[in-house]
Amino acid sequence: MRRALLIWCLLLAGIVCISQSERTSAFWQSRDSNYNISISTGGALACSYTPITSATYNVAYTGATPSASGGSPTYTFTQTGTLPTGFTISATTGVISGTDSVDSGGATYPGIQVKVTDLALNTANCGSSFTITVAAGGLLLDSLSATAISAFSTRKLRSAYAGSALNVTTSASGNATQDIGFVSNNLDTASLATFIGSNTGTVGKWYDQSPSGATAVQSTISQQPAIVSSGTNRTRNSNVCPFYASATNTEFTWTPPAQAQPFTTTFVSQTTATTSGHHFTDGSTPGGSGSVRVLIGNGNAGAHWSIYAGSTALFSSNATDTNMHAWFAVFNAASTVLYEDGSSIISGTSPGTNGYNGSGYYIGGSLTGTQTIDGYLCEFILFSSALSAGDQATLHSSWQSYWGTP
């Protein structure tokens, strides 16, 4: 017997004797392979990328697609560095996209680096770090093809508009009023704070930023929407927004230009109570030729979103809620559609053919003065046509970025 060799035999029928020196044979390797897990790779993880470095304020941006290879698919993309406000990166494609509705004067965002991670948690940079430069651009209404015939907001909506945003009333003795304008196209909150202090501020006039100049007014102080409560600004997504309360019947009246269908009523709102029958906007005569309504249901139909234009009240299938929403009501007879956050929730039937007839209309309430909303109505724009899909997308993207709508 050779000294270096020990033979272990299993004296069982059909079992071959295995030499200890053969334990690294194919037999044992085969058995060991039952317990090994391996991840195949196509070489080292790598990622090439040529970024798009120019963006424009209030214009939708879509970046380039990085190309990852090697490593162990699948890939996940992330970024380091600060993206422009409203921009996000897709984890699955690595594409950066969004709309910057904040940097109206332009801005730069340096030190952005796109990265890829594979299934084995290897990482690689996609190209070099880069800077996105946001160029100053037109404001929201400058970016749309449709014509606005009424436009109300606490941010500046149109470059050619030279007026103030609001006329504010203080709760301090004497109820003084003051116009509050814009700084860098946003509400001048410093002047607002100086004027109101620790008091409450309400809005007596909401200035129309469209060429129509149809200011929305509430002369009765107790019915003016609040913009500051005991020294604290009323805000949505950190931006100042008027607050309405049905208990005090807060609403505005305004007289827009006469406008037949088709037209589009758009606004951003968040209700804090889903009380049935309360109106975002209402017409000049209850149910008559001047009535154009967008409301929260009514007592006969339960709490559902609803529109009306003189003929039939149409109701959505989905119930009301207290979330922030972007609304597009395209009034166009049988082609009328109500969109909630870009999704159609009422369509296919005519609510009537009423248009705006040049009489007084209501924002945040109704003709009766007792059906005002509870909550926020931040921006309200009336267009003289059915808003195109492209304009809806631009408006929706801006509202997502600025007001935080879905």
Protein backbone atom coordinates (compact mmCIF):
# COMPACT_ATOMS: atom_id res chain seq x y z
CA MET A 1 0.00 0.00 0.00
CA ARG A 2 1.35 3.37 -0.99
CA ARG A 3 2.12 5.65 1.97
CA ALA A 4 0.27 8.71 0.69
CA LEU A 5 -2.84 6.86 -0.15
CA LEU A 6 -5.64 5.80 2.12
CA ILE A 7 -8.58 4.03 0.65
CA TRP A 8 -11.91 4.31 2.30
CA CYS A 9 -14.35 1.82 1.00
CA LEU A 10 -18.01 1.73 1.54
CA LEU A 11 -18.72 -1.96 1.31
CA LEU A 12 -22.26 -1.46 0.19
CA ALA A 13 -23.64 -2.91 -2.99
CA GLY A 14 -23.32 -0.59 -5.98
CA ILE A 15 -21.16 2.03 -4.17
CA VAL A 16 -17.74 2.70 -5.70
CA CYS A 17 -14.78 3.04 -3.40
CA ILE A 18 -13.53 6.58 -3.35
CA SER A 19 -9.94 7.51 -2.73
CA GLN A 20 -9.36 10.36 -0.31
CA SER A 21 -7.01 11.80 -2.88
CA GLU A 22 -9.95 11.99 -5.26
CA ARG A 23 -12.18 14.15 -3.07
CA THR A 24 -11.69 17.00 -5.43
CA SER A 25 -12.98 14.88 -8.27
CA ALA A 26 -15.98 15.79 -10.40
CA PHE A 27 -18.18 13.76 -8.05
CA TRP A 28 -17.43 15.92 -5.03
CA GLN A 29 -17.42 19.09 -7.05
CA SER A 30 -20.85 18.18 -8.28
CA ARG A 31 -22.09 17.66 -4.73
CA ASP A 32 -20.52 20.88 -3.50
CA SER A 33 -22.09 22.82 -6.35
CA ASN A 34 -25.48 22.20 -4.80
CA TYR A 35 -24.56 24.67 -2.09
CA ASN A 36 -22.87 27.41 -4.15
CA ILE A 37 -24.76 30.48 -5.45
CA SER A 38 -23.10 32.58 -8.10
CA ILE A 39 -24.17 35.74 -9.96
CA SER A 40 -23.01 35.83 -13.53
CA THR A 41 -21.55 39.11 -14.75
CA GLY A 42 -20.80 40.62 -18.10
CA GLY A 43 -17.63 42.30 -16.98
CA ALA A 44 -17.17 45.30 -14.73
CA LEU A 45 -20.18 47.58 -14.20
CA ALA A 46 -19.96 50.71 -16.35
CA CYS A 47 -22.26 53.56 -17.31
CA SER A 48 -21.99 56.20 -20.03
CA TYR A 49 -24.05 59.39 -19.98
CA THR A 50 -24.17 62.71 -21.81
CA PRO A 51 -26.41 64.98 -19.70
CA ILE A 52 -28.68 67.73 -20.96
CA THR A 53 -27.52 70.69 -18.92
CA SER A 54 -29.95 73.41 -20.03
CA ALA A 55 -33.46 73.90 -18.68
CA THR A 56 -35.91 76.80 -18.73
CA TYR A 57 -38.13 78.11 -15.97
CA ASN A 58 -41.71 76.84 -16.25
CA VAL A 59 -40.93 74.64 -19.26
CA ALA A 60 -41.02 70.83 -19.00
CA TYR A 61 -37.52 69.28 -19.03
CA THR A 62 -36.56 65.72 -19.98
CA GLY A 63 -32.93 64.66 -19.64
CA ALA A 64 -30.87 62.06 -21.46
CA THR A 65 -30.97 58.32 -20.76
CA PRO A 66 -27.82 56.82 -19.20
CA SER A 67 -26.48 53.57 -20.70
CA ALA A 68 -25.40 50.96 -18.14
CA SER A 69 -23.56 47.76 -19.04
CA GLY A 70 -21.74 44.87 -17.39
CA GLY A 71 -22.14 43.97 -13.77
CA SER A 72 -25.22 42.07 -12.73
CA PRO A 73 -28.48 43.44 -14.14
CA THR A 74 -31.00 44.72 -13.14
CA TYR A 75 -29.87 48.34 -12.65
CA THR A 76 -31.11 51.05 -10.30
CA PHE A 77 -30.32 54.73 -10.85
CA THR A 78 -29.89 57.48 -8.28
CA GLN A 79 -28.31 60.90 -8.17
CA THR A 80 -26.26 62.93 -5.75
CA GLY A 81 -26.35 66.71 -5.69
CA THR A 82 -29.43 68.92 -5.66
CA LEU A 83 -31.80 68.86 -8.63
CA PRO A 84 -33.84 71.93 -9.64
CA THR A 85 -37.14 72.24 -7.79
CA GLY A 86 -39.71 69.96 -9.40
CA PHE A 87 -37.12 67.65 -11.00
CA THR A 88 -36.85 63.95 -10.14
CA ILE A 89 -34.81 61.00 -11.41
CA SER A 90 -36.39 57.73 -12.53
CA ALA A 91 -34.90 54.81 -10.60
CA THR A 92 -35.53 52.44 -13.50
CA THR A 93 -34.35 54.55 -16.46
CA GLY A 94 -32.09 57.18 -14.89
CA VAL A 95 -33.88 59.94 -16.79
CA ILE A 96 -34.16 63.27 -14.95
CA SER A 97 -37.37 65.16 -15.71
CA GLY A 98 -39.73 67.78 -14.33
CA THR A 99 -40.71 71.46 -14.47
CA ASP A 100 -39.04 74.18 -12.42
CA SER A 101 -41.82 76.63 -11.53
CA VAL A 102 -39.81 78.37 -8.81
CA ASP A 103 -36.64 79.84 -10.33
CA SER A 104 -38.28 82.50 -12.51
CA GLY A 105 -35.06 84.54 -12.50
CA GLY A 106 -32.89 81.57 -13.46
CA ALA A 107 -30.60 79.41 -11.29
CA THR A 108 -27.74 76.92 -11.46
CA TYR A 109 -27.55 73.51 -9.80
CA PRO A 110 -23.93 72.24 -9.79
CA GLY A 111 -22.45 68.94 -8.64
CA ILE A 112 -25.13 66.58 -9.95
CA GLN A 113 -23.89 63.00 -10.42
CA VAL A 114 -26.01 60.17 -11.82
CA LYS A 115 -25.08 56.75 -10.40
CA VAL A 116 -26.03 53.17 -11.21
CA THR A 117 -26.20 50.20 -8.83
CA ASP A 118 -26.46 46.59 -10.02
CA LEU A 119 -27.98 43.50 -8.45
CA ALA A 120 -24.71 42.64 -6.68
CA LEU A 121 -24.67 46.18 -5.19
CA ASN A 122 -21.75 47.29 -7.32
CA THR A 123 -21.92 51.00 -8.17
CA ALA A 124 -20.57 53.16 -10.97
CA ASN A 125 -20.83 56.80 -11.96
CA CYS A 126 -22.70 57.56 -15.15
CA GLY A 127 -20.34 59.98 -16.81
CA SER A 128 -18.97 62.95 -14.88
CA SER A 129 -20.75 65.31 -12.51
CA PHE A 130 -22.51 68.20 -14.22
CA THR A 131 -24.50 71.40 -13.70
CA ILE A 132 -28.09 72.04 -14.76
CA THR A 133 -28.62 75.70 -15.59
CA VAL A 134 -32.22 76.89 -15.41
CA ALA A 135 -32.71 79.90 -17.66
CA ALA A 136 -35.13 82.66 -16.75
CA GLY A 137 -38.24 82.24 -18.83
CA GLY A 138 -41.80 83.28 -19.32
CA LEU A 139 -44.27 82.87 -16.49
CA LEU A 140 -47.05 80.29 -16.54
CA LEU A 141 -49.46 82.14 -18.82
CA ASP A 142 -46.59 83.08 -21.13
CA SER A 143 -45.95 79.36 -21.66
CA LEU A 144 -49.49 78.46 -22.80
CA SER A 145 -51.07 78.73 -26.22
CA ALA A 146 -54.55 79.36 -24.77
CA THR A 147 -55.73 82.85 -23.82
CA ALA A 148 -56.59 83.54 -20.18
CA ILE A 149 -59.52 85.96 -19.71
CA SER A 150 -59.30 85.86 -15.89
CA ALA A 151 -56.32 84.83 -13.78
CA PHE A 152 -55.96 84.97 -9.99
CA SER A 153 -53.03 83.75 -7.90
CA THR A 154 -50.61 84.72 -5.14
CA ARG A 155 -47.73 84.21 -7.59
CA LYS A 156 -47.15 86.22 -10.74
CA LEU A 157 -48.65 84.46 -13.76
CA ARG A 158 -47.89 86.76 -16.69
CA SER A 159 -44.72 88.71 -17.46
CA ALA A 160 -46.61 91.71 -18.82
CA TYR A 161 -48.70 92.07 -15.67
CA ALA A 162 -47.50 95.07 -13.65
CA GLY A 163 -50.01 95.15 -10.79
CA SER A 164 -50.23 93.70 -7.30
CA ALA A 165 -51.45 90.27 -6.26
CA LEU A 166 -53.88 91.19 -3.50
CA ASN A 167 -55.38 93.94 -1.42
CA VAL A 168 -55.22 92.82 2.21
CA THR A 169 -57.21 93.99 5.23
CA THR A 170 -55.72 93.86 8.72
CA SER A 171 -57.76 92.92 11.77
CA ALA A 172 -55.99 95.64 13.76
CA SER A 173 -58.00 98.63 14.87
CA GLY A 174 -59.21 100.63 11.90
CA ASN A 175 -59.04 97.69 9.44
CA ALA A 176 -56.48 99.35 7.21
CA THR A 177 -55.83 97.89 3.77
CA GLN A 178 -52.72 97.55 1.66
CA ASP A 179 -51.81 96.14 -1.74
CA ILE A 180 -49.29 93.30 -1.63
CA GLY A 181 -47.23 92.68 -4.74
CA PHE A 182 -44.54 90.28 -5.85
CA VAL A 183 -40.86 89.69 -5.16
CA SER A 184 -39.12 87.39 -7.65
CA ASN A 185 -42.58 86.56 -9.01
CA ASN A 186 -43.79 85.20 -5.69
CA LEU A 187 -45.96 86.97 -3.12
CA ASP A 188 -44.09 89.65 -1.18
CA THR A 189 -44.38 87.90 2.18
CA ALA A 190 -41.99 90.35 3.87
CA SER A 191 -44.33 93.27 3.16
CA LEU A 192 -47.28 91.12 4.18
CA ALA A 193 -45.64 90.30 7.53
CA THR A 194 -44.75 93.94 8.17
CA PHE A 195 -48.31 95.06 7.47
CA ILE A 196 -50.19 92.32 9.35
CA GLY A 197 -47.77 91.57 12.19
CA SER A 198 -49.41 89.24 14.72
CA ASN A 199 -52.91 90.12 13.54
CA THR A 200 -55.16 88.39 11.04
CA GLY A 201 -55.11 89.41 7.39
CA THR A 202 -57.96 88.87 4.93
CA VAL A 203 -58.23 89.46 1.19
CA GLY A 204 -60.63 92.17 0.03
CA LYS A 205 -59.43 92.22 -3.59
CA TRP A 206 -57.82 89.52 -5.67
CA TYR A 207 -56.40 91.22 -8.73
CA ASP A 208 -56.97 89.74 -12.17
CA GLN A 209 -53.60 89.23 -13.88
CA SER A 210 -55.13 88.70 -17.32
CA PRO A 211 -55.58 91.63 -19.73
CA SER A 212 -59.28 91.70 -18.74
CA GLY A 213 -58.54 93.25 -15.35
CA ALA A 214 -61.69 91.77 -13.79
CA THR A 215 -60.75 92.05 -10.10
CA ALA A 216 -62.45 89.62 -7.66
CA VAL A 217 -63.87 91.56 -4.71
CA GLN A 218 -65.28 91.00 -1.24
CA SER A 219 -66.19 94.26 0.49
CA THR A 220 -67.59 92.72 3.67
CA ILE A 221 -64.59 92.11 5.93
CA SER A 222 -66.18 89.19 7.78
CA GLN A 223 -66.63 87.40 4.43
CA GLN A 224 -63.10 87.95 3.15
CA PRO A 225 -60.92 84.81 2.80
CA ALA A 226 -58.05 84.70 5.30
CA ILE A 227 -54.45 84.85 4.18
CA VAL A 228 -52.82 85.35 7.60
CA SER A 229 -54.22 83.96 10.86
CA SER A 230 -52.83 85.53 14.05
CA GLY A 231 -49.52 86.29 12.36
CA THR A 232 -49.15 82.96 10.58
CA ASN A 233 -49.49 82.77 6.79
CA ARG A 234 -52.07 80.42 5.35
CA THR A 235 -50.06 78.21 2.98
CA ARG A 236 -50.17 75.15 0.77
CA ASN A 237 -46.83 73.59 -0.17
CA SER A 238 -45.16 76.53 1.62
CA ASN A 239 -46.82 79.08 -0.69
CA VAL A 240 -49.40 81.58 0.53
CA CYS A 241 -52.98 80.60 -0.38
CA PRO A 242 -56.35 82.15 0.59
CA PHE A 243 -58.48 80.13 3.03
CA TYR A 244 -62.29 80.05 2.83
CA ALA A 245 -64.75 79.18 5.60
CA SER A 246 -68.43 78.37 5.15
CA ALA A 247 -69.17 79.52 8.71
CA THR A 248 -68.46 83.12 7.64
CA ASN A 249 -69.56 82.73 4.00
CA THR A 250 -66.21 83.79 2.57
CA GLU A 251 -66.18 84.23 -1.20
CA PHE A 252 -65.33 86.66 -4.00
CA THR A 253 -67.55 88.13 -6.68
CA TRP A 254 -66.13 88.94 -10.11
CA THR A 255 -67.38 89.89 -13.55
CA PRO A 256 -65.42 88.10 -16.27
CA PRO A 257 -65.78 88.96 -19.95
CA ALA A 258 -68.71 87.38 -21.75
CA GLN A 259 -67.61 83.99 -23.04
CA ALA A 260 -69.63 81.32 -24.86
CA GLN A 261 -68.69 77.64 -24.81
CA PRO A 262 -66.18 76.17 -25.30
CA PHE A 263 -64.09 77.51 -22.42
CA THR A 264 -62.04 76.02 -19.59
CA THR A 265 -62.27 76.82 -15.89
CA THR A 266 -59.16 75.73 -13.98
CA PHE A 267 -58.14 76.02 -10.35
CA VAL A 268 -56.11 74.52 -7.50
CA SER A 269 -57.94 73.71 -4.28
CA GLN A 270 -58.00 71.66 -1.12
CA THR A 271 -61.17 71.31 0.88
CA THR A 272 -60.96 70.71 4.62
CA ALA A 273 -64.56 69.48 4.77
CA THR A 274 -66.62 67.70 2.12
CA THR A 275 -69.90 69.40 2.94
CA SER A 276 -72.34 68.67 0.13
CA GLY A 277 -73.51 71.58 -2.01
CA HIS A 278 -70.55 73.88 -1.47
CA HIS A 279 -69.22 75.62 -4.58
CA PHE A 280 -65.74 76.27 -5.95
CA THR A 281 -67.34 78.66 -8.41
CA ASP A 282 -70.90 79.58 -9.32
CA GLY A 283 -72.85 81.61 -11.84
CA SER A 284 -74.79 84.84 -11.75
CA THR A 285 -78.29 83.33 -11.57
CA PRO A 286 -79.25 80.13 -9.72
CA GLY A 287 -79.94 77.59 -12.46
CA GLY A 288 -80.52 80.30 -15.05
CA SER A 289 -78.77 81.48 -18.20
CA GLY A 290 -75.80 82.82 -16.25
CA SER A 291 -75.14 79.71 -14.21
CA VAL A 292 -71.83 77.93 -14.69
CA ARG A 293 -70.88 75.83 -11.69
CA VAL A 294 -68.15 73.61 -10.41
CA LEU A 295 -69.18 72.31 -7.02
CA ILE A 296 -69.00 69.58 -4.42
CA GLY A 297 -72.18 67.65 -5.13
CA ASN A 298 -75.51 68.62 -3.65
CA GLY A 299 -77.98 67.37 -1.07
CA ASN A 300 -79.78 65.15 -3.57
CA ALA A 301 -76.74 63.32 -4.93
CA GLY A 302 -74.44 62.95 -1.97
CA ALA A 303 -70.85 64.14 -1.71
CA HIS A 304 -69.50 63.83 -5.25
CA TRP A 305 -67.74 66.29 -7.53
CA SER A 306 -70.17 67.97 -9.90
CA ILE A 307 -70.47 70.43 -12.79
CA TYR A 308 -73.47 72.28 -14.21
CA ALA A 309 -74.08 74.72 -17.05
CA GLY A 310 -77.81 75.37 -17.08
CA SER A 311 -79.25 71.99 -18.04
CA THR A 312 -78.13 68.90 -16.12
CA ALA A 313 -76.00 68.54 -13.01
CA LEU A 314 -73.36 65.89 -13.73
CA PHE A 315 -71.75 63.95 -10.88
CA SER A 316 -68.53 61.99 -10.64
CA SER A 317 -68.50 58.37 -9.52
CA ASN A 318 -65.70 59.03 -7.05
CA ALA A 319 -66.55 60.61 -3.72
CA THR A 320 -65.15 63.90 -2.55
CA ASP A 321 -62.09 64.05 -0.31
CA THR A 322 -59.86 66.54 1.52
CA ASN A 323 -56.77 66.21 -0.66
CA MET A 324 -55.08 68.90 -2.76
CA HIS A 325 -56.30 68.76 -6.38
CA ALA A 326 -55.72 70.35 -9.77
CA TRP A 327 -59.00 70.91 -11.63
CA PHE A 328 -59.73 71.40 -15.36
CA ALA A 329 -63.40 71.86 -16.28
CA VAL A 330 -63.66 71.99 -20.08
CA PHE A 331 -67.19 73.22 -20.84
CA ASN A 332 -68.10 72.21 -24.39
CA ALA A 333 -71.71 70.94 -24.49
CA ALA A 334 -71.72 67.14 -24.98
CA SER A 335 -67.91 67.15 -25.06
CA THR A 336 -67.67 68.63 -21.56
CA VAL A 337 -65.04 66.97 -19.36
CA LEU A 338 -64.07 67.50 -15.71
CA TYR A 339 -60.48 66.47 -14.97
CA GLU A 340 -59.15 65.81 -11.48
CA ASP A 341 -55.33 65.79 -11.39
CA GLY A 342 -55.24 65.03 -15.10
CA SER A 343 -57.77 62.17 -15.01
CA SER A 344 -61.26 62.49 -16.48
CA ILE A 345 -63.94 61.95 -13.82
CA ILE A 346 -66.99 63.36 -15.67
CA SER A 347 -67.55 63.15 -19.43
CA GLY A 348 -69.90 62.06 -22.19
CA THR A 349 -72.98 64.12 -21.29
CA SER A 350 -73.80 67.79 -21.67
CA PRO A 351 -74.32 69.79 -18.45
CA GLY A 352 -75.85 72.56 -20.60
CA THR A 353 -74.60 75.22 -22.92
CA ASN A 354 -74.40 78.24 -20.63
CA GLY A 355 -71.41 80.52 -20.95
CA TYR A 356 -70.24 83.54 -19.00
CA ASN A 357 -72.70 86.33 -19.77
CA GLY A 358 -70.87 89.32 -18.34
CA SER A 359 -72.74 89.38 -15.01
CA GLY A 360 -71.31 88.81 -11.54
CA TYR A 361 -69.88 85.37 -10.78
CA TYR A 362 -68.46 83.80 -7.64
CA ILE A 363 -65.12 82.26 -6.64
CA GLY A 364 -65.15 80.05 -3.57
CA GLY A 365 -68.91 80.26 -3.11
CA SER A 366 -72.31 80.82 -4.68
CA LEU A 367 -74.97 83.42 -5.40
CA THR A 368 -76.75 82.63 -2.14
CA GLY A 369 -73.65 83.39 -0.07
CA THR A 370 -74.26 80.30 2.05
CA GLN A 371 -72.54 77.60 -0.03
CA THR A 372 -68.88 78.58 0.24
CA ILE A 373 -66.18 75.95 0.44
CA ASP A 374 -64.23 75.09 3.57
CA GLY A 375 -60.58 75.06 2.62
CA TYR A 376 -58.09 76.55 0.19
CA LEU A 377 -58.48 77.85 -3.33
CA CYS A 378 -55.01 78.99 -4.40
CA GLU A 379 -55.15 79.75 -8.10
CA PHE A 380 -58.08 80.28 -10.47
CA ILE A 381 -57.75 80.78 -14.25
CA LEU A 382 -60.47 81.03 -16.90
CA PHE A 383 -59.50 80.34 -20.53
CA SER A 384 -61.48 81.36 -23.61
CA SER A 385 -61.20 77.95 -25.28
CA ALA A 386 -61.13 74.24 -24.58
CA LEU A 387 -57.67 73.78 -23.11
CA SER A 388 -55.46 71.56 -25.26
CA ALA A 389 -53.78 68.45 -23.89
CA GLY A 390 -50.41 70.18 -24.19
CA ASP A 391 -51.55 73.24 -22.24
CA GLN A 392 -53.17 71.01 -19.63
CA ALA A 393 -49.88 69.14 -19.22
CA THR A 394 -47.91 72.39 -18.83
CA LEU A 395 -50.39 73.80 -16.33
CA HIS A 396 -50.59 70.54 -14.40
CA SER A 397 -46.81 70.23 -14.20
CA SER A 398 -46.53 73.81 -12.93
CA TRP A 399 -49.15 73.18 -10.26
CA GLN A 400 -47.44 69.99 -9.15
CA SER A 401 -44.18 71.86 -8.71
CA TYR A 402 -45.55 75.02 -7.11
CA TRP A 403 -48.65 73.93 -5.22
CA GLY A 404 -47.88 70.26 -4.60
CA THR A 405 -50.87 68.81 -6.43
CA PRO A 406 -50.77 65.08 -7.33
